[in-house]
Amino acid sequence: MRTLFLLPTLIALIIVAGCASTVPSLPGSQQTLNLNQQANFENNDYAFTAAINHIEIKNNQTIIVTFTIDNTGQQAMTLSAMSSLNDPIGQSYVGQTVFFSQIAPGHKVTQTGTISLPEGVLNQLSQGSTLKYRFQGTSPVPYEATWNIDLTNLPE
């Protein structure tokens, strides 16, 4: 009798473990974009686009990124944006976190963030580098977007 009780329990555990072992992609993750493309995110009544407007290099050590968040959803939203510049060999340089406070539906907000590089690193960055942004709102699931970037050939 005990065996009959354990068998369905074991089958249920195997099924649950099999379902839990498949790791879905993040709802907010996207493929790598070009600089002229915008990232689109949507989750329930929250939706927004993120676009890089301009990239500037100051003193060969500071990268200044201007980007816009457009609230295309039905709810007001607050976001933080965390950036990192990743070179082709896997080095990552983290930028300052930028906060977007109470963006009303149908409104856009433009902010500027910086990424500081150690001296001499800029010369090593070229094609194959990426600029990654992780956007965090009130949802525990972050939104992520990655743009290809060539710091030796930035658009005007």
N, C-alpha and C. Protein backbone atom coordinates (compact mmCIF):
# COMPACT_ATOMS: atom_id res chain seq x y z
N MET A 1 0.82 -1.19 0.00
CA MET A 1 0.00 0.00 0.00
C MET A 1 0.87 1.26 0.00
N ARG A 2 1.94 1.23 0.77
CA ARG A 2 2.83 2.38 0.85
C ARG A 2 3.48 2.67 -0.51
N THR A 3 3.81 1.62 -1.27
CA THR A 3 4.41 1.76 -2.58
C THR A 3 3.44 2.46 -3.54
N LEU A 4 2.16 2.14 -3.45
CA LEU A 4 1.16 2.76 -4.30
C LEU A 4 1.04 4.26 -4.02
N PHE A 5 1.26 4.67 -2.80
CA PHE A 5 1.21 6.08 -2.45
C PHE A 5 2.46 6.81 -2.92
N LEU A 6 3.62 6.18 -2.82
CA LEU A 6 4.87 6.83 -3.19
C LEU A 6 5.03 6.99 -4.70
N LEU A 7 4.52 6.04 -5.47
CA LEU A 7 4.69 6.10 -6.92
C LEU A 7 4.06 7.37 -7.53
N PRO A 8 2.79 7.71 -7.24
CA PRO A 8 2.25 8.96 -7.81
C PRO A 8 2.98 10.20 -7.30
N THR A 9 3.44 10.16 -6.05
CA THR A 9 4.18 11.30 -5.50
C THR A 9 5.49 11.50 -6.24
N LEU A 10 6.20 10.41 -6.51
CA LEU A 10 7.46 10.50 -7.26
C LEU A 10 7.22 10.99 -8.68
N ILE A 11 6.18 10.51 -9.32
CA ILE A 11 5.88 10.96 -10.68
C ILE A 11 5.58 12.46 -10.68
N ALA A 12 4.79 12.92 -9.71
CA ALA A 12 4.47 14.34 -9.62
C ALA A 12 5.73 15.17 -9.40
N LEU A 13 6.64 14.71 -8.55
CA LEU A 13 7.89 15.44 -8.29
C LEU A 13 8.75 15.51 -9.54
N ILE A 14 8.81 14.43 -10.30
CA ILE A 14 9.61 14.41 -11.53
C ILE A 14 9.03 15.39 -12.55
N ILE A 15 7.71 15.42 -12.67
CA ILE A 15 7.08 16.35 -13.60
C ILE A 15 7.33 17.79 -13.19
N VAL A 16 7.15 18.09 -11.91
CA VAL A 16 7.38 19.45 -11.42
C VAL A 16 8.84 19.85 -11.60
N ALA A 17 9.76 18.95 -11.29
CA ALA A 17 11.19 19.26 -11.45
C ALA A 17 11.53 19.48 -12.91
N GLY A 18 10.94 18.70 -13.80
CA GLY A 18 11.19 18.88 -15.23
C GLY A 18 10.68 20.22 -15.72
N CYS A 19 9.52 20.64 -15.25
CA CYS A 19 8.97 21.94 -15.66
C CYS A 19 9.79 23.08 -15.08
N ALA A 20 10.27 22.93 -13.88
CA ALA A 20 11.03 24.00 -13.23
C ALA A 20 12.44 24.11 -13.78
N SER A 21 12.94 23.04 -14.40
CA SER A 21 14.32 23.08 -14.87
C SER A 21 14.48 23.83 -16.18
N THR A 22 13.40 24.05 -16.90
CA THR A 22 13.51 24.83 -18.12
C THR A 22 13.53 26.29 -17.74
N VAL A 23 14.57 26.98 -18.14
CA VAL A 23 14.74 28.38 -17.76
C VAL A 23 14.23 29.25 -18.90
N PRO A 24 13.13 29.93 -18.69
CA PRO A 24 12.62 30.81 -19.75
C PRO A 24 13.49 32.06 -19.86
N SER A 25 13.46 32.67 -21.03
CA SER A 25 14.19 33.92 -21.16
C SER A 25 13.43 34.99 -20.40
N LEU A 26 14.14 36.00 -19.97
CA LEU A 26 13.50 37.10 -19.26
C LEU A 26 12.49 37.77 -20.18
N PRO A 27 11.30 38.11 -19.66
CA PRO A 27 10.33 38.78 -20.50
C PRO A 27 10.86 40.09 -21.07
N GLY A 28 11.79 40.71 -20.38
CA GLY A 28 12.31 41.99 -20.82
C GLY A 28 13.59 41.91 -21.61
N SER A 29 14.08 40.72 -21.91
CA SER A 29 15.34 40.64 -22.64
C SER A 29 15.10 40.68 -24.13
N GLN A 30 16.06 41.19 -24.87
CA GLN A 30 15.94 41.33 -26.32
C GLN A 30 17.24 40.96 -26.99
N GLN A 31 17.18 40.86 -28.30
CA GLN A 31 18.39 40.63 -29.07
C GLN A 31 19.24 41.90 -29.09
N THR A 32 20.45 41.78 -29.55
CA THR A 32 21.33 42.95 -29.63
C THR A 32 20.87 43.88 -30.74
N LEU A 33 20.83 45.18 -30.42
CA LEU A 33 20.32 46.20 -31.34
C LEU A 33 21.46 47.03 -31.90
N ASN A 34 21.19 47.70 -33.02
CA ASN A 34 22.10 48.71 -33.54
C ASN A 34 21.77 50.03 -32.87
N LEU A 35 22.70 50.99 -32.91
CA LEU A 35 22.49 52.26 -32.22
C LEU A 35 21.26 53.02 -32.70
N ASN A 36 20.87 52.84 -33.94
CA ASN A 36 19.70 53.57 -34.46
C ASN A 36 18.38 52.87 -34.14
N GLN A 37 18.41 51.75 -33.43
CA GLN A 37 17.19 51.02 -33.09
C GLN A 37 16.79 51.29 -31.65
N GLN A 38 15.50 51.14 -31.39
CA GLN A 38 15.01 51.31 -30.02
C GLN A 38 14.55 49.97 -29.48
N ALA A 39 14.67 49.82 -28.16
CA ALA A 39 14.21 48.62 -27.47
C ALA A 39 12.77 48.84 -27.04
N ASN A 40 11.94 47.82 -27.21
CA ASN A 40 10.53 47.89 -26.84
C ASN A 40 10.25 46.88 -25.76
N PHE A 41 9.57 47.32 -24.70
CA PHE A 41 9.25 46.44 -23.57
C PHE A 41 7.77 46.57 -23.23
N GLU A 42 7.17 45.45 -22.83
CA GLU A 42 5.77 45.47 -22.43
C GLU A 42 5.52 44.36 -21.42
N ASN A 43 4.82 44.73 -20.34
CA ASN A 43 4.45 43.78 -19.30
C ASN A 43 3.18 44.29 -18.63
N ASN A 44 2.06 43.63 -18.90
CA ASN A 44 0.74 44.05 -18.40
C ASN A 44 0.43 45.46 -18.90
N ASP A 45 0.10 46.39 -18.01
CA ASP A 45 -0.23 47.76 -18.43
C ASP A 45 1.01 48.64 -18.58
N TYR A 46 2.17 48.09 -18.29
CA TYR A 46 3.41 48.86 -18.39
C TYR A 46 4.07 48.57 -19.74
N ALA A 47 4.43 49.63 -20.45
CA ALA A 47 5.12 49.48 -21.72
C ALA A 47 5.97 50.74 -21.93
N PHE A 48 7.16 50.52 -22.49
CA PHE A 48 8.01 51.67 -22.79
C PHE A 48 9.01 51.31 -23.86
N THR A 49 9.56 52.33 -24.49
CA THR A 49 10.65 52.16 -25.43
C THR A 49 11.87 52.88 -24.87
N ALA A 50 13.03 52.39 -25.21
CA ALA A 50 14.29 53.00 -24.80
C ALA A 50 15.14 53.18 -26.06
N ALA A 51 15.70 54.36 -26.21
CA ALA A 51 16.51 54.66 -27.38
C ALA A 51 17.73 55.48 -26.97
N ILE A 52 18.85 55.18 -27.59
CA ILE A 52 20.07 55.96 -27.37
C ILE A 52 20.07 57.10 -28.37
N ASN A 53 20.15 58.32 -27.86
CA ASN A 53 20.12 59.51 -28.72
C ASN A 53 21.51 59.93 -29.17
N HIS A 54 22.47 59.87 -28.24
CA HIS A 54 23.79 60.43 -28.53
C HIS A 54 24.83 59.80 -27.59
N ILE A 55 26.02 59.60 -28.12
CA ILE A 55 27.14 59.12 -27.30
C ILE A 55 28.32 60.07 -27.55
N GLU A 56 28.93 60.50 -26.46
CA GLU A 56 30.04 61.44 -26.54
C GLU A 56 31.17 60.93 -25.65
N ILE A 57 32.40 61.17 -26.07
CA ILE A 57 33.57 60.78 -25.28
C ILE A 57 34.28 62.04 -24.81
N LYS A 58 34.49 62.13 -23.50
CA LYS A 58 35.17 63.29 -22.89
C LYS A 58 36.49 62.83 -22.28
N ASN A 59 37.53 63.55 -22.56
CA ASN A 59 38.85 63.34 -21.95
C ASN A 59 39.36 61.91 -22.10
N ASN A 60 38.95 61.21 -23.13
CA ASN A 60 39.37 59.83 -23.40
C ASN A 60 39.12 58.87 -22.24
N GLN A 61 38.28 59.25 -21.28
CA GLN A 61 38.00 58.37 -20.15
C GLN A 61 36.54 58.33 -19.73
N THR A 62 35.73 59.25 -20.21
CA THR A 62 34.33 59.29 -19.80
C THR A 62 33.44 59.19 -21.02
N ILE A 63 32.54 58.23 -20.98
CA ILE A 63 31.57 58.07 -22.05
C ILE A 63 30.25 58.62 -21.53
N ILE A 64 29.69 59.55 -22.26
CA ILE A 64 28.42 60.17 -21.89
C ILE A 64 27.35 59.68 -22.86
N VAL A 65 26.33 59.04 -22.31
CA VAL A 65 25.26 58.47 -23.11
C VAL A 65 23.96 59.21 -22.81
N THR A 66 23.33 59.76 -23.85
CA THR A 66 22.03 60.40 -23.71
C THR A 66 20.99 59.45 -24.29
N PHE A 67 19.98 59.13 -23.50
CA PHE A 67 18.94 58.21 -23.98
C PHE A 67 17.57 58.66 -23.50
N THR A 68 16.56 58.16 -24.20
CA THR A 68 15.18 58.57 -23.94
C THR A 68 14.32 57.36 -23.61
N ILE A 69 13.48 57.51 -22.61
CA ILE A 69 12.46 56.53 -22.26
C ILE A 69 11.11 57.13 -22.65
N ASP A 70 10.33 56.39 -23.42
CA ASP A 70 9.00 56.82 -23.85
C ASP A 70 7.98 55.85 -23.24
N ASN A 71 7.14 56.35 -22.34
CA ASN A 71 6.13 55.52 -21.70
C ASN A 71 4.98 55.32 -22.68
N THR A 72 4.89 54.13 -23.26
CA THR A 72 3.85 53.81 -24.24
C THR A 72 2.73 52.98 -23.61
N GLY A 73 2.77 52.81 -22.30
CA GLY A 73 1.79 51.98 -21.60
C GLY A 73 0.62 52.78 -21.05
N GLN A 74 -0.15 52.12 -20.20
CA GLN A 74 -1.36 52.69 -19.62
C GLN A 74 -1.15 53.23 -18.21
N GLN A 75 0.01 52.95 -17.61
CA GLN A 75 0.28 53.33 -16.23
C GLN A 75 1.50 54.26 -16.16
N ALA A 76 1.49 55.16 -15.18
CA ALA A 76 2.70 55.94 -14.90
C ALA A 76 3.77 54.98 -14.40
N MET A 77 5.01 55.31 -14.66
CA MET A 77 6.08 54.40 -14.26
C MET A 77 7.30 55.14 -13.78
N THR A 78 8.05 54.46 -12.91
CA THR A 78 9.34 54.92 -12.43
C THR A 78 10.35 53.84 -12.77
N LEU A 79 11.48 54.23 -13.34
CA LEU A 79 12.51 53.27 -13.74
C LEU A 79 13.88 53.73 -13.26
N SER A 80 14.74 52.77 -13.06
CA SER A 80 16.17 53.06 -12.93
C SER A 80 16.86 52.34 -14.07
N ALA A 81 17.94 52.93 -14.58
CA ALA A 81 18.68 52.35 -15.70
C ALA A 81 20.13 52.19 -15.28
N MET A 82 20.61 50.95 -15.33
CA MET A 82 21.99 50.65 -14.99
C MET A 82 22.73 50.25 -16.26
N SER A 83 23.84 50.90 -16.54
CA SER A 83 24.56 50.65 -17.79
C SER A 83 25.87 49.92 -17.55
N SER A 84 26.30 49.23 -18.60
CA SER A 84 27.64 48.65 -18.60
C SER A 84 28.13 48.60 -20.04
N LEU A 85 29.39 48.94 -20.21
CA LEU A 85 30.05 48.87 -21.50
C LEU A 85 30.90 47.61 -21.47
N ASN A 86 30.71 46.75 -22.45
CA ASN A 86 31.41 45.47 -22.49
C ASN A 86 32.27 45.41 -23.74
N ASP A 87 33.56 45.13 -23.57
CA ASP A 87 34.44 45.06 -24.73
C ASP A 87 34.39 43.65 -25.32
N PRO A 88 34.97 43.46 -26.51
CA PRO A 88 34.87 42.16 -27.19
C PRO A 88 35.53 40.99 -26.44
N ILE A 89 36.43 41.28 -25.49
CA ILE A 89 37.08 40.17 -24.78
C ILE A 89 36.48 39.91 -23.41
N GLY A 90 35.37 40.58 -23.11
CA GLY A 90 34.65 40.27 -21.88
C GLY A 90 34.84 41.21 -20.71
N GLN A 91 35.65 42.24 -20.86
CA GLN A 91 35.78 43.22 -19.78
C GLN A 91 34.51 44.06 -19.72
N SER A 92 34.08 44.38 -18.52
CA SER A 92 32.87 45.17 -18.35
C SER A 92 33.18 46.41 -17.51
N TYR A 93 32.64 47.55 -17.95
CA TYR A 93 32.82 48.81 -17.24
C TYR A 93 31.44 49.35 -16.90
N VAL A 94 31.14 49.42 -15.62
CA VAL A 94 29.80 49.78 -15.15
C VAL A 94 29.67 51.29 -15.05
N GLY A 95 28.52 51.79 -15.48
CA GLY A 95 28.23 53.22 -15.43
C GLY A 95 27.37 53.57 -14.23
N GLN A 96 27.12 54.84 -14.10
CA GLN A 96 26.26 55.31 -13.00
C GLN A 96 24.81 54.91 -13.28
N THR A 97 24.04 54.73 -12.22
CA THR A 97 22.62 54.43 -12.36
C THR A 97 21.87 55.74 -12.58
N VAL A 98 20.94 55.71 -13.53
CA VAL A 98 20.13 56.89 -13.85
C VAL A 98 18.69 56.58 -13.45
N PHE A 99 18.02 57.55 -12.82
CA PHE A 99 16.66 57.36 -12.34
C PHE A 99 15.68 58.18 -13.17
N PHE A 100 14.59 57.53 -13.56
CA PHE A 100 13.49 58.19 -14.27
C PHE A 100 12.29 58.15 -13.32
N SER A 101 11.83 59.30 -12.89
CA SER A 101 10.79 59.36 -11.87
C SER A 101 9.44 59.74 -12.47
N GLN A 102 8.43 58.94 -12.20
CA GLN A 102 7.04 59.17 -12.58
C GLN A 102 6.87 59.67 -14.02
N ILE A 103 7.09 58.78 -14.96
CA ILE A 103 6.86 59.10 -16.37
C ILE A 103 5.39 58.78 -16.66
N ALA A 104 4.62 59.78 -16.99
CA ALA A 104 3.19 59.60 -17.28
C ALA A 104 3.02 58.89 -18.62
N PRO A 105 1.91 58.17 -18.79
CA PRO A 105 1.64 57.53 -20.08
C PRO A 105 1.66 58.56 -21.21
N GLY A 106 2.32 58.21 -22.30
CA GLY A 106 2.41 59.11 -23.45
C GLY A 106 3.50 60.15 -23.34
N HIS A 107 4.30 60.13 -22.28
CA HIS A 107 5.36 61.12 -22.10
C HIS A 107 6.74 60.48 -22.29
N LYS A 108 7.69 61.33 -22.68
CA LYS A 108 9.08 60.93 -22.86
C LYS A 108 9.96 61.67 -21.87
N VAL A 109 11.01 61.01 -21.42
CA VAL A 109 11.99 61.65 -20.55
C VAL A 109 13.38 61.30 -21.08
N THR A 110 14.23 62.31 -21.20
CA THR A 110 15.59 62.11 -21.68
C THR A 110 16.55 62.36 -20.52
N GLN A 111 17.49 61.47 -20.34
CA GLN A 111 18.50 61.57 -19.28
C GLN A 111 19.88 61.31 -19.87
N THR A 112 20.87 61.70 -19.12
CA THR A 112 22.26 61.46 -19.50
C THR A 112 22.93 60.65 -18.40
N GLY A 113 23.68 59.64 -18.80
CA GLY A 113 24.44 58.83 -17.86
C GLY A 113 25.88 58.75 -18.30
N THR A 114 26.77 58.44 -17.37
CA THR A 114 28.19 58.36 -17.69
C THR A 114 28.77 57.00 -17.32
N ILE A 115 29.78 56.63 -18.08
CA ILE A 115 30.57 55.44 -17.79
C ILE A 115 32.02 55.89 -17.76
N SER A 116 32.68 55.71 -16.63
CA SER A 116 34.08 56.11 -16.49
C SER A 116 34.97 54.91 -16.80
N LEU A 117 35.99 55.17 -17.60
CA LEU A 117 36.93 54.12 -17.99
C LEU A 117 38.29 54.37 -17.36
N PRO A 118 39.02 53.31 -17.02
CA PRO A 118 40.40 53.51 -16.56
C PRO A 118 41.24 54.10 -17.70
N GLU A 119 42.29 54.77 -17.32
CA GLU A 119 43.16 55.41 -18.31
C GLU A 119 43.70 54.37 -19.29
N GLY A 120 43.65 54.71 -20.59
CA GLY A 120 44.19 53.85 -21.64
C GLY A 120 43.23 52.79 -22.16
N VAL A 121 42.11 52.58 -21.53
CA VAL A 121 41.17 51.54 -21.95
C VAL A 121 40.45 51.91 -23.24
N LEU A 122 40.16 53.19 -23.43
CA LEU A 122 39.42 53.62 -24.61
C LEU A 122 40.09 53.17 -25.89
N ASN A 123 41.41 53.17 -25.93
CA ASN A 123 42.15 52.75 -27.12
C ASN A 123 41.95 51.28 -27.43
N GLN A 124 41.56 50.48 -26.45
CA GLN A 124 41.35 49.05 -26.65
C GLN A 124 39.94 48.72 -27.12
N LEU A 125 39.03 49.67 -26.97
CA LEU A 125 37.64 49.43 -27.35
C LEU A 125 37.45 49.71 -28.83
N SER A 126 36.76 48.82 -29.50
CA SER A 126 36.53 48.98 -30.94
C SER A 126 35.24 48.28 -31.32
N GLN A 127 35.17 47.87 -32.58
CA GLN A 127 34.00 47.13 -33.02
C GLN A 127 33.86 45.87 -32.16
N GLY A 128 32.63 45.47 -31.94
CA GLY A 128 32.38 44.29 -31.12
C GLY A 128 32.07 44.63 -29.68
N SER A 129 32.17 45.89 -29.31
CA SER A 129 31.78 46.30 -27.96
C SER A 129 30.27 46.44 -27.91
N THR A 130 29.73 46.30 -26.71
CA THR A 130 28.28 46.46 -26.55
C THR A 130 28.00 47.37 -25.36
N LEU A 131 26.89 48.06 -25.45
CA LEU A 131 26.40 48.91 -24.37
C LEU A 131 25.11 48.27 -23.89
N LYS A 132 25.11 47.83 -22.64
CA LYS A 132 23.96 47.11 -22.09
C LYS A 132 23.28 47.97 -21.04
N TYR A 133 21.96 48.03 -21.13
CA TYR A 133 21.17 48.72 -20.12
C TYR A 133 20.22 47.74 -19.47
N ARG A 134 20.16 47.81 -18.16
CA ARG A 134 19.20 47.02 -17.38
C ARG A 134 18.26 48.02 -16.72
N PHE A 135 16.99 47.92 -17.09
CA PHE A 135 15.97 48.83 -16.57
C PHE A 135 15.19 48.10 -15.48
N GLN A 136 15.04 48.75 -14.34
CA GLN A 136 14.30 48.15 -13.23
C GLN A 136 13.18 49.08 -12.84
N GLY A 137 11.96 48.57 -12.88
CA GLY A 137 10.79 49.34 -12.45
C GLY A 137 10.27 48.76 -11.16
N THR A 138 8.96 48.79 -11.00
CA THR A 138 8.35 48.24 -9.80
C THR A 138 8.23 46.73 -9.86
N SER A 139 8.35 46.16 -11.03
CA SER A 139 8.30 44.71 -11.20
C SER A 139 9.62 44.11 -10.76
N PRO A 140 9.60 42.90 -10.18
CA PRO A 140 10.87 42.27 -9.80
C PRO A 140 11.66 41.79 -11.02
N VAL A 141 11.01 41.73 -12.18
CA VAL A 141 11.69 41.28 -13.40
C VAL A 141 12.28 42.49 -14.12
N PRO A 142 13.60 42.51 -14.32
CA PRO A 142 14.21 43.65 -15.01
C PRO A 142 14.00 43.54 -16.52
N TYR A 143 14.17 44.66 -17.19
CA TYR A 143 14.15 44.70 -18.64
C TYR A 143 15.58 44.96 -19.09
N GLU A 144 16.03 44.27 -20.13
CA GLU A 144 17.40 44.45 -20.59
C GLU A 144 17.45 44.70 -22.08
N ALA A 145 18.36 45.58 -22.47
CA ALA A 145 18.61 45.86 -23.88
C ALA A 145 20.10 46.03 -24.08
N THR A 146 20.58 45.55 -25.21
CA THR A 146 22.00 45.65 -25.54
C THR A 146 22.14 46.24 -26.94
N TRP A 147 23.00 47.24 -27.05
CA TRP A 147 23.26 47.86 -28.34
C TRP A 147 24.71 47.60 -28.74
N ASN A 148 24.93 47.27 -30.03
CA ASN A 148 26.28 47.21 -30.59
C ASN A 148 26.83 48.62 -30.64
N ILE A 149 28.12 48.74 -30.34
CA ILE A 149 28.71 50.09 -30.34
C ILE A 149 30.16 50.00 -30.82
N ASP A 150 30.55 50.93 -31.63
CA ASP A 150 31.93 51.08 -32.09
C ASP A 150 32.38 52.48 -31.67
N LEU A 151 33.14 52.56 -30.60
CA LEU A 151 33.54 53.87 -30.08
C LEU A 151 34.53 54.59 -30.97
N THR A 152 35.11 53.89 -31.95
CA THR A 152 36.03 54.55 -32.88
C THR A 152 35.28 55.20 -34.04
N ASN A 153 33.99 54.91 -34.15
CA ASN A 153 33.21 55.43 -35.28
C ASN A 153 31.78 55.75 -34.81
N LEU A 154 31.65 56.75 -33.95
CA LEU A 154 30.34 57.12 -33.40
C LEU A 154 29.59 58.01 -34.39
N PRO A 155 28.26 57.82 -34.49
CA PRO A 155 27.47 58.71 -35.36
C PRO A 155 27.41 60.12 -34.78
N GLU A 156 27.29 61.08 -35.64
CA GLU A 156 27.18 62.49 -35.21
C GLU A 156 25.81 62.78 -34.68
